[in-house]
Amino acid sequence: MTEKSPHAHEVATALRASIGLLVRRLRQTHTEGDLSLPERSALARLDRGGPATAAELARQEQISPQSMGATLAALQERGLVERRPDPADGRRYVLTVSEAGAKFLHHRRSERTDMLARALSEHFTAEELKVLQQASPLLDRLSEHL
């Protein structure tokens, strides 16, 4: 008897639910001295996207410029971002991730990886780990096509 191939919509539904839950759980992990979700999001966006103005970040995060201003002020106060005059327009300021901000992000990502590794090693068989490892490039490819 041949096994019926899953319909793309069924796979999409299952992946969206599973990946959504995983992402929410990872985002919910807090450590001492952690940032708020908007602060983490803005810092990560600066890290991924490079220098940006507060207005650009507000647009990308889909929040008001005032909210982004408060978020960036908190990050700057903690020394996680640096604010410099825009070389192209002296009236504006460009924000970048500081060395302390880069260290914070690296530490946070390492903690999340360690947490995932613990869960995998404690609750998954060697065969299940192989399946998950084989699925990773497929998930990367799926992300590229969204």
Foldseek 3Di string as FASTA:
>chain_A
DDDDDDDPVVVVVVVCVVVVVVVVVLLPDDDPPDDDPVLVVLLVCCVVVPKDFLVVSCVVVVHDSVVSVVSVVVCVVVVQKDWDQDPVDRVTIIIHGDPVNVVVVVVSVVVSVVVVVVCCVVPHDPVVVVVVVVCVVVVVVVVVVD
